[in-house]
């Protein structure tokens, strides 16, 4: 399940509640533009703002190839302090 960057925080909070999901990839078409998680919502009071205003943009995400091995994945997590 994904959300769009122009959806409001209120809309995504409602989707979280309905689906029981704490975070969503944010996409434009088929392109990942960010991610929004429960932490992003914690202190936000203006629920009419777009998700793009609180999401973590794709440029800041730590990603890996789909076929990454377990040891390589652990190393990547450690290097990025995740």
PDB file of N, CA and C in Angstrom:
ATOM      1  N   UNK A   1       0.849  -1.167   0.000  1.00  0.00           N
ATOM      2  CA  UNK A   1       0.000   0.000   0.000  1.00  0.00           C
ATOM      3  C   UNK A   1       0.896   1.231   0.000  1.00  0.00           C
ATOM      4  N   UNK A   2       0.597   2.173  -0.834  1.00  0.00           N
ATOM      5  CA  UNK A   2       1.376   3.402  -0.958  1.00  0.00           C
ATOM      6  C   UNK A   2       0.467   4.619  -0.839  1.00  0.00           C
ATOM      7  N   UNK A   3       1.088   5.770  -0.637  1.00  0.00           N
ATOM      8  CA  UNK A   3       0.359   7.040  -0.611  1.00  0.00           C
ATOM      9  C   UNK A   3       1.067   8.008  -1.544  1.00  0.00           C
ATOM     10  N   UNK A   4       0.369   9.068  -1.905  1.00  0.00           N
ATOM     11  CA  UNK A   4       0.944  10.091  -2.760  1.00  0.00           C
ATOM     12  C   UNK A   4       1.443  11.268  -1.945  1.00  0.00           C
ATOM     13  N   UNK A   5       2.408  12.012  -2.457  1.00  0.00           N
ATOM     14  CA  UNK A   5       2.992  13.128  -1.711  1.00  0.00           C
ATOM     15  C   UNK A   5       2.034  14.281  -1.465  1.00  0.00           C
ATOM     16  N   UNK A   6       0.962  14.369  -2.246  1.00  0.00           N
ATOM     17  CA  UNK A   6       0.021  15.470  -2.073  1.00  0.00           C
ATOM     18  C   UNK A   6      -1.179  15.111  -1.206  1.00  0.00           C
ATOM     19  N   UNK A   7      -1.257  13.849  -0.771  1.00  0.00           N
ATOM     20  CA  UNK A   7      -2.331  13.488   0.153  1.00  0.00           C
ATOM     21  C   UNK A   7      -2.089  14.215   1.464  1.00  0.00           C
ATOM     22  N   UNK A   8      -3.159  14.554   2.148  1.00  0.00           N
ATOM     23  CA  UNK A   8      -2.994  15.267   3.408  1.00  0.00           C
ATOM     24  C   UNK A   8      -2.586  14.304   4.522  1.00  0.00           C
ATOM     25  N   UNK A   9      -2.014  14.883   5.548  1.00  0.00           N
ATOM     26  CA  UNK A   9      -1.646  14.095   6.722  1.00  0.00           C
ATOM     27  C   UNK A   9      -2.894  13.438   7.302  1.00  0.00           C
ATOM     28  N   UNK A  10      -4.011  14.155   7.328  1.00  0.00           N
ATOM     29  CA  UNK A  10      -5.270  13.609   7.851  1.00  0.00           C
ATOM     30  C   UNK A  10      -5.696  12.374   7.057  1.00  0.00           C
ATOM     31  N   UNK A  11      -5.598  12.439   5.735  1.00  0.00           N
ATOM     32  CA  UNK A  11      -5.983  11.292   4.900  1.00  0.00           C
ATOM     33  C   UNK A  11      -5.123  10.066   5.203  1.00  0.00           C
ATOM     34  N   UNK A  12      -3.837  10.288   5.360  1.00  0.00           N
ATOM     35  CA  UNK A  12      -2.927   9.171   5.608  1.00  0.00           C
ATOM     36  C   UNK A  12      -3.108   8.632   7.025  1.00  0.00           C
ATOM     37  N   UNK A  13      -3.390   9.499   7.985  1.00  0.00           N
ATOM     38  CA  UNK A  13      -3.688   9.029   9.338  1.00  0.00           C
ATOM     39  C   UNK A  13      -4.927   8.145   9.339  1.00  0.00           C
ATOM     40  N   UNK A  14      -5.930   8.515   8.573  1.00  0.00           N
ATOM     41  CA  UNK A  14      -7.149   7.706   8.468  1.00  0.00           C
ATOM     42  C   UNK A  14      -6.828   6.352   7.838  1.00  0.00           C
ATOM     43  N   UNK A  15      -6.007   6.355   6.802  1.00  0.00           N
ATOM     44  CA  UNK A  15      -5.590   5.111   6.146  1.00  0.00           C
ATOM     45  C   UNK A  15      -4.815   4.228   7.124  1.00  0.00           C
ATOM     46  N   UNK A  16      -3.947   4.825   7.916  1.00  0.00           N
ATOM     47  CA  UNK A  16      -3.209   4.080   8.954  1.00  0.00           C
ATOM     48  C   UNK A  16      -4.173   3.376   9.895  1.00  0.00           C
ATOM     49  N   UNK A  17      -5.169   4.123  10.327  1.00  0.00           N
ATOM     50  CA  UNK A  17      -6.152   3.581  11.268  1.00  0.00           C
ATOM     51  C   UNK A  17      -6.948   2.437  10.638  1.00  0.00           C
ATOM     52  N   UNK A  18      -7.417   2.640   9.418  1.00  0.00           N
ATOM     53  CA  UNK A  18      -8.227   1.635   8.731  1.00  0.00           C
ATOM     54  C   UNK A  18      -7.443   0.365   8.422  1.00  0.00           C
ATOM     55  N   UNK A  19      -6.194   0.527   8.012  1.00  0.00           N
ATOM     56  CA  UNK A  19      -5.396  -0.604   7.545  1.00  0.00           C
ATOM     57  C   UNK A  19      -4.495  -1.204   8.632  1.00  0.00           C
ATOM     58  N   UNK A  20      -4.313  -0.501   9.730  1.00  0.00           N
ATOM     59  CA  UNK A  20      -3.438  -0.993  10.788  1.00  0.00           C
ATOM     60  C   UNK A  20      -1.979  -1.010  10.372  1.00  0.00           C
ATOM     61  N   UNK A  21      -1.592  -0.051   9.519  1.00  0.00           N
ATOM     62  CA  UNK A  21      -0.225   0.057   9.013  1.00  0.00           C
ATOM     63  C   UNK A  21       0.401   1.313   9.593  1.00  0.00           C
ATOM     64  N   UNK A  22       1.660   1.205  10.030  1.00  0.00           N
ATOM     65  CA  UNK A  22       2.269   2.370  10.676  1.00  0.00           C
ATOM     66  C   UNK A  22       3.063   3.261   9.732  1.00  0.00           C
ATOM     67  N   UNK A  23       3.412   2.769   8.538  1.00  0.00           N
ATOM     68  CA  UNK A  23       4.188   3.569   7.608  1.00  0.00           C
ATOM     69  C   UNK A  23       3.877   3.209   6.167  1.00  0.00           C
ATOM     70  N   UNK A  24       4.190   4.145   5.283  1.00  0.00           N
ATOM     71  CA  UNK A  24       3.874   3.954   3.873  1.00  0.00           C
ATOM     72  C   UNK A  24       4.988   4.475   2.970  1.00  0.00           C
ATOM     73  N   UNK A  25       5.260   3.767   1.880  1.00  0.00           N
ATOM     74  CA  UNK A  25       6.090   4.356   0.834  1.00  0.00           C
ATOM     75  C   UNK A  25       5.285   5.490   0.188  1.00  0.00           C
ATOM     76  N   UNK A  26       5.952   6.565  -0.156  1.00  0.00           N
ATOM     77  CA  UNK A  26       5.306   7.697  -0.830  1.00  0.00           C
ATOM     78  C   UNK A  26       5.782   7.658  -2.279  1.00  0.00           C
ATOM     79  N   UNK A  27       4.834   7.570  -3.215  1.00  0.00           N
ATOM     80  CA  UNK A  27       5.188   7.420  -4.622  1.00  0.00           C
ATOM     81  C   UNK A  27       4.480   8.455  -5.494  1.00  0.00           C
ATOM     82  N   UNK A  28       5.171   8.800  -6.589  1.00  0.00           N
ATOM     83  CA  UNK A  28       4.574   9.600  -7.667  1.00  0.00           C
ATOM     84  C   UNK A  28       4.628   8.710  -8.887  1.00  0.00           C
ATOM     85  N   UNK A  29       3.467   8.274  -9.365  1.00  0.00           N
ATOM     86  CA  UNK A  29       3.449   7.280 -10.435  1.00  0.00           C
ATOM     87  C   UNK A  29       4.047   5.998  -9.887  1.00  0.00           C
ATOM     88  N   UNK A  30       5.122   5.533 -10.511  1.00  0.00           N
ATOM     89  CA  UNK A  30       5.805   4.330 -10.028  1.00  0.00           C
ATOM     90  C   UNK A  30       7.143   4.660  -9.374  1.00  0.00           C
ATOM     91  N   UNK A  31       7.420   5.935  -9.171  1.00  0.00           N
ATOM     92  CA  UNK A  31       8.703   6.367  -8.606  1.00  0.00           C
ATOM     93  C   UNK A  31       8.581   6.626  -7.098  1.00  0.00           C
ATOM     94  N   UNK A  32       9.474   6.005  -6.323  1.00  0.00           N
ATOM     95  CA  UNK A  32       9.521   6.244  -4.889  1.00  0.00           C
ATOM     96  C   UNK A  32      10.087   7.637  -4.643  1.00  0.00           C
ATOM     97  N   UNK A  33       9.336   8.455  -3.908  1.00  0.00           N
ATOM     98  CA  UNK A  33       9.813   9.808  -3.600  1.00  0.00           C
ATOM     99  C   UNK A  33      10.078   9.995  -2.105  1.00  0.00           C
ATOM    100  N   UNK A  34       9.680   9.018  -1.295  1.00  0.00           N
ATOM    101  CA  UNK A  34       9.924   9.114   0.128  1.00  0.00           C
ATOM    102  C   UNK A  34       9.227   8.020   0.901  1.00  0.00           C
ATOM    103  N   UNK A  35       9.283   8.150   2.212  1.00  0.00           N
ATOM    104  CA  UNK A  35       8.599   7.215   3.109  1.00  0.00           C
ATOM    105  C   UNK A  35       8.089   8.018   4.296  1.00  0.00           C
ATOM    106  N   UNK A  36       6.953   7.620   4.811  1.00  0.00           N
ATOM    107  CA  UNK A  36       6.392   8.272   5.988  1.00  0.00           C
ATOM    108  C   UNK A  36       6.096   7.171   7.010  1.00  0.00           C
ATOM    109  N   UNK A  37       6.572   7.382   8.247  1.00  0.00           N
ATOM    110  CA  UNK A  37       6.396   6.390   9.301  1.00  0.00           C
ATOM    111  C   UNK A  37       5.711   7.021  10.500  1.00  0.00           C
ATOM    112  N   UNK A  38       5.404   6.193  11.483  1.00  0.00           N
ATOM    113  CA  UNK A  38       4.706   6.690  12.679  1.00  0.00           C
ATOM    114  C   UNK A  38       5.460   7.830  13.351  1.00  0.00           C
ATOM    115  N   UNK A  39       6.772   7.825  13.280  1.00  0.00           N
ATOM    116  CA  UNK A  39       7.562   8.897  13.905  1.00  0.00           C
ATOM    117  C   UNK A  39       7.310  10.255  13.250  1.00  0.00           C
ATOM    118  N   UNK A  40       7.058  10.240  11.958  1.00  0.00           N
ATOM    119  CA  UNK A  40       6.835  11.496  11.236  1.00  0.00           C
ATOM    120  C   UNK A  40       5.547  12.192  11.676  1.00  0.00           C
ATOM    121  N   UNK A  41       4.602  11.419  12.187  1.00  0.00           N
ATOM    122  CA  UNK A  41       3.304  11.975  12.574  1.00  0.00           C
ATOM    123  C   UNK A  41       3.277  12.478  14.016  1.00  0.00           C
ATOM    124  N   UNK A  42       4.238  12.084  14.839  1.00  0.00           N
ATOM    125  CA  UNK A  42       4.170  12.272  16.288  1.00  0.00           C
ATOM    126  C   UNK A  42       3.823  13.682  16.755  1.00  0.00           C
ATOM    127  N   UNK A  43       4.471  14.678  16.226  1.00  0.00           N
ATOM    128  CA  UNK A  43       4.273  16.028  16.764  1.00  0.00           C
ATOM    129  C   UNK A  43       3.583  16.972  15.786  1.00  0.00           C
ATOM    130  N   UNK A  44       3.124  16.436  14.684  1.00  0.00           N
ATOM    131  CA  UNK A  44       2.478  17.286  13.677  1.00  0.00           C
ATOM    132  C   UNK A  44       1.054  17.619  14.112  1.00  0.00           C
ATOM    133  N   UNK A  45       0.734  18.884  14.091  1.00  0.00           N
ATOM    134  CA  UNK A  45      -0.597  19.338  14.501  1.00  0.00           C
ATOM    135  C   UNK A  45      -1.460  19.784  13.323  1.00  0.00           C
ATOM    136  N   UNK A  46      -0.836  20.251  12.251  1.00  0.00           N
ATOM    137  CA  UNK A  46      -1.577  20.739  11.088  1.00  0.00           C
ATOM    138  C   UNK A  46      -1.834  19.568  10.139  1.00  0.00           C
ATOM    139  N   UNK A  47      -2.978  18.934  10.287  1.00  0.00           N
ATOM    140  CA  UNK A  47      -3.296  17.737   9.522  1.00  0.00           C
ATOM    141  C   UNK A  47      -3.710  18.022   8.080  1.00  0.00           C
ATOM    142  N   UNK A  48      -3.804  19.285   7.721  1.00  0.00           N
ATOM    143  CA  UNK A  48      -4.162  19.622   6.340  1.00  0.00           C
ATOM    144  C   UNK A  48      -2.934  19.741   5.435  1.00  0.00           C
ATOM    145  N   UNK A  49      -1.734  19.656   6.035  1.00  0.00           N
ATOM    146  CA  UNK A  49      -0.498  19.733   5.242  1.00  0.00           C
ATOM    147  C   UNK A  49      -0.323  18.468   4.415  1.00  0.00           C
ATOM    148  N   UNK A  50       0.373  18.579   3.283  1.00  0.00           N
ATOM    149  CA  UNK A  50       0.619  17.385   2.473  1.00  0.00           C
ATOM    150  C   UNK A  50       1.685  16.489   3.115  1.00  0.00           C
ATOM    151  N   UNK A  51       1.593  15.212   2.825  1.00  0.00           N
ATOM    152  CA  UNK A  51       2.556  14.233   3.344  1.00  0.00           C
ATOM    153  C   UNK A  51       3.981  14.623   2.987  1.00  0.00           C
ATOM    154  N   UNK A  52       4.192  15.212   1.816  1.00  0.00           N
ATOM    155  CA  UNK A  52       5.551  15.587   1.410  1.00  0.00           C
ATOM    156  C   UNK A  52       6.229  16.500   2.428  1.00  0.00           C
ATOM    157  N   UNK A  53       5.438  17.196   3.246  1.00  0.00           N
ATOM    158  CA  UNK A  53       6.020  18.116   4.228  1.00  0.00           C
ATOM    159  C   UNK A  53       6.603  17.402   5.447  1.00  0.00           C
ATOM    160  N   UNK A  54       6.228  16.135   5.670  1.00  0.00           N
ATOM    161  CA  UNK A  54       6.755  15.417   6.835  1.00  0.00           C
ATOM    162  C   UNK A  54       7.494  14.131   6.477  1.00  0.00           C
ATOM    163  N   UNK A  55       7.428  13.703   5.224  1.00  0.00           N
ATOM    164  CA  UNK A  55       8.049  12.429   4.832  1.00  0.00           C
ATOM    165  C   UNK A  55       9.576  12.548   4.823  1.00  0.00           C
ATOM    166  N   UNK A  56      10.234  11.398   4.885  1.00  0.00           N
ATOM    167  CA  UNK A  56      11.675  11.340   4.659  1.00  0.00           C
ATOM    168  C   UNK A  56      11.858  11.186   3.154  1.00  0.00           C
ATOM    169  N   UNK A  57      12.539  12.131   2.493  1.00  0.00           N
ATOM    170  CA  UNK A  57      12.681  12.048   1.029  1.00  0.00           C
ATOM    171  C   UNK A  57      13.577  10.876   0.613  1.00  0.00           C
ATOM    172  N   UNK A  58      13.347  10.386  -0.592  1.00  0.00           N
ATOM    173  CA  UNK A  58      14.071   9.225  -1.113  1.00  0.00           C
ATOM    174  C   UNK A  58      15.581   9.412  -1.041  1.00  0.00           C
ATOM    175  N   UNK A  59      16.074  10.634  -1.228  1.00  0.00           N
ATOM    176  CA  UNK A  59      17.516  10.885  -1.210  1.00  0.00           C
ATOM    177  C   UNK A  59      18.141  10.540   0.142  1.00  0.00           C
ATOM    178  N   UNK A  60      17.349  10.554   1.189  1.00  0.00           N
ATOM    179  CA  UNK A  60      17.875  10.287   2.531  1.00  0.00           C
ATOM    180  C   UNK A  60      17.650   8.847   2.980  1.00  0.00           C
ATOM    181  N   UNK A  61      16.989   8.048   2.160  1.00  0.00           N
ATOM    182  CA  UNK A  61      16.717   6.661   2.533  1.00  0.00           C
ATOM    183  C   UNK A  61      17.935   5.784   2.284  1.00  0.00           C
ATOM    184  N   UNK A  62      18.134   4.806   3.142  1.00  0.00           N
ATOM    185  CA  UNK A  62      19.189   3.817   2.972  1.00  0.00           C
ATOM    186  C   UNK A  62      18.540   2.637   2.254  1.00  0.00           C
ATOM    187  N   UNK A  63      19.034   2.327   1.065  1.00  0.00           N
ATOM    188  CA  UNK A  63      18.443   1.248   0.275  1.00  0.00           C
ATOM    189  C   UNK A  63      19.522   0.254  -0.147  1.00  0.00           C
ATOM    190  N   UNK A  64      19.064  -0.896  -0.620  1.00  0.00           N
ATOM    191  CA  UNK A  64      19.973  -1.935  -1.104  1.00  0.00           C
ATOM    192  C   UNK A  64      19.310  -2.659  -2.256  1.00  0.00           C
ATOM    193  N   UNK A  65      20.123  -3.378  -3.006  1.00  0.00           N
ATOM    194  CA  UNK A  65      19.598  -4.170  -4.116  1.00  0.00           C
ATOM    195  C   UNK A  65      18.676  -5.261  -3.577  1.00  0.00           C
ATOM    196  N   UNK A  66      17.724  -5.652  -4.375  1.00  0.00           N
ATOM    197  CA  UNK A  66      16.742  -6.653  -3.988  1.00  0.00           C
ATOM    198  C   UNK A  66      17.386  -7.989  -3.614  1.00  0.00           C
ATOM    199  N   UNK A  67      18.485  -8.333  -4.248  1.00  0.00           N
ATOM    200  CA  UNK A  67      19.117  -9.637  -4.028  1.00  0.00           C
ATOM    201  C   UNK A  67      20.289  -9.573  -3.045  1.00  0.00           C
ATOM    202  N   UNK A  68      20.334  -8.576  -2.182  1.00  0.00           N
ATOM    203  CA  UNK A  68      21.431  -8.428  -1.224  1.00  0.00           C
ATOM    204  C   UNK A  68      21.447  -9.622  -0.260  1.00  0.00           C
ATOM    205  N   UNK A  69      22.632 -10.085   0.085  1.00  0.00           N
ATOM    206  CA  UNK A  69      22.769 -11.181   1.032  1.00  0.00           C
ATOM    207  C   UNK A  69      22.622 -10.696   2.468  1.00  0.00           C
ATOM    208  N   UNK A  70      22.359 -11.622   3.384  1.00  0.00           N
ATOM    209  CA  UNK A  70      22.129 -11.278   4.778  1.00  0.00           C
ATOM    210  C   UNK A  70      23.333 -10.569   5.400  1.00  0.00           C
ATOM    211  N   UNK A  71      24.523 -11.091   5.192  1.00  0.00           N
ATOM    212  CA  UNK A  71      25.718 -10.476   5.784  1.00  0.00           C
ATOM    213  C   UNK A  71      25.967  -9.084   5.222  1.00  0.00           C
ATOM    214  N   UNK A  72      25.769  -8.945   3.920  1.00  0.00           N
ATOM    215  CA  UNK A  72      25.948  -7.635   3.290  1.00  0.00           C
ATOM    216  C   UNK A  72      24.901  -6.642   3.814  1.00  0.00           C
ATOM    217  N   UNK A  73      23.683  -7.120   4.022  1.00  0.00           N
ATOM    218  CA  UNK A  73      22.625  -6.266   4.563  1.00  0.00           C
ATOM    219  C   UNK A  73      22.959  -5.825   5.982  1.00  0.00           C
ATOM    220  N   UNK A  74      23.437  -6.756   6.806  1.00  0.00           N
ATOM    221  CA  UNK A  74      23.820  -6.399   8.179  1.00  0.00           C
ATOM    222  C   UNK A  74      24.933  -5.358   8.182  1.00  0.00           C
ATOM    223  N   UNK A  75      25.900  -5.535   7.277  1.00  0.00           N
ATOM    224  CA  UNK A  75      27.009  -4.583   7.180  1.00  0.00           C
ATOM    225  C   UNK A  75      26.488  -3.194   6.809  1.00  0.00           C
ATOM    226  N   UNK A  76      25.572  -3.149   5.849  1.00  0.00           N
ATOM    227  CA  UNK A  76      25.004  -1.874   5.406  1.00  0.00           C
ATOM    228  C   UNK A  76      24.234  -1.182   6.544  1.00  0.00           C
ATOM    229  N   UNK A  77      23.474  -1.966   7.304  1.00  0.00           N
ATOM    230  CA  UNK A  77      22.747  -1.416   8.445  1.00  0.00           C
ATOM    231  C   UNK A  77      23.709  -0.868   9.489  1.00  0.00           C
ATOM    232  N   UNK A  78      24.761  -1.620   9.756  1.00  0.00           N
ATOM    233  CA  UNK A  78      25.754  -1.182  10.735  1.00  0.00           C
ATOM    234  C   UNK A  78      26.458   0.101  10.275  1.00  0.00           C
ATOM    235  N   UNK A  79      26.867   0.141   9.012  1.00  0.00           N
ATOM    236  CA  UNK A  79      27.548   1.319   8.476  1.00  0.00           C
ATOM    237  C   UNK A  79      26.691   2.572   8.565  1.00  0.00           C
ATOM    238  N   UNK A  80      25.393   2.393   8.430  1.00  0.00           N
ATOM    239  CA  UNK A  80      24.470   3.535   8.453  1.00  0.00           C
ATOM    240  C   UNK A  80      23.812   3.730   9.806  1.00  0.00           C
ATOM    241  N   UNK A  81      24.244   2.965  10.774  1.00  0.00           N
ATOM    242  CA  UNK A  81      23.746   3.056  12.151  1.00  0.00           C
ATOM    243  C   UNK A  81      22.232   2.947  12.251  1.00  0.00           C
ATOM    244  N   UNK A  82      21.710   1.986  11.517  1.00  0.00           N
ATOM    245  CA  UNK A  82      20.250   1.736  11.520  1.00  0.00           C
ATOM    246  C   UNK A  82      19.974   0.595  12.477  1.00  0.00           C
TER     247      UNK A  82
END
